[in-house]
């Protein structure tokens, strides 16, 4: 039989546990995750996702009009509601991946990379054709873009391979990772997807530089860049048409449509001035070919102004800078390379997308991370950001003075 004193002690224990719940002493999985995660990085990511929903809502009417037919009418907010659904699917993915231990996240990424590499190999031959390119595989609601999902796990795989050099300096990591990157590049160019090819190669070279690859090797690789661009122009029709449209605006033929797109994007971007026309007030967006995906940054410029575009650019920069500052004292080679690679890919994709919208780069079909519409893009980016959050998790008490730890009774 429980005595009043026992009941009081029992209640006191419950109260003490409740007080610890949510505090720094909370040892539950959720509590440990919350205190170890980079909360500012997570907050900036959620802020971008919220901006993306507003942007898709602004772009949705223009895209709905464009893709409606005589017998098939899309509601003005059709793409917004679908994007809201994709965000609902992506959030558990982002949080779930960010809670993984480093070893588990690495194993998951390596396994996914092997599977997605096989899927990517067959995509140019059995994938669904959209706008002249075979980048999608599957059917109906189950369609997805393998190259989007491969990006984050490819980065983790390359980071793991480069980190092995610390154990075996003789391991030819440059050749191994270069062969992997080259294989993926060939598969992407068969789709064709020149923009994604550039992102993969850029991230690979950035990882090599961060890993301390000798300068003579890096100089040789950098010297190959103009050679590769010339070869792409000479023998790769997709690259040639887009470069021609960018360098020679008056050209007719294959590049004319790309020139039209970049012109329309620039006109839409600047139509709202510094403060924009206001939500729903944009008109130029109705002339954009892909207002909800590739050119959503221009829609933001028209309806919310160039100031809003500048704020978004600063947020992307803040995410990348925060990751690299956090890595300044990282001792784990793998975590350093994986986090740096994921941040580089995130920043490079955002930079290319904004450059295309402002007319500073040829059209590449590149989405703006967490802002453009798309299920594959949103879920894949959530996986990538989840991995980045997992690899940058820190327990500040692990680096405390041993005297403080001993004094606290630990």
Foldseek 3Di string as FASTA:
>chain_A
DQDPVNVVVVVVVVVVLVVCVLPCNDPDLVSQLVQQFPVVLVVLLVVLLVLQLLLLLLLQQLVQVVPADPVGGDDSCNLSVVLVVLVVVQVCLLQVLLSDALVVNLVVLVVLLVVLLVVLQCQLPAADDDPRFRQWHDDDPPIAGSLLLNQLSLQLVLLVLLLCCVVPVPPPSVVVNVVVLVSSLVSCCSRPFNPSNVLSVVLNLVLCVVSPPDPVVNVVVVVCVVVVLVVCLVPRVVSVLQVCCLVPVVDDDPVVVQVQQLVLLQCLLPQQAAAAPARNRGDSSSVHPQCQWLRSLSSCCHHGNPPVSVVNLVSLVVSLVVQVVLLPPDDRSSLSSSLNSLNSSLSVLQVVSVCSSNSNGTDRRGGNQSNGGDSNRSNSNSSSSSSNRNSSGDDVVVPDDVVVVVVVVD
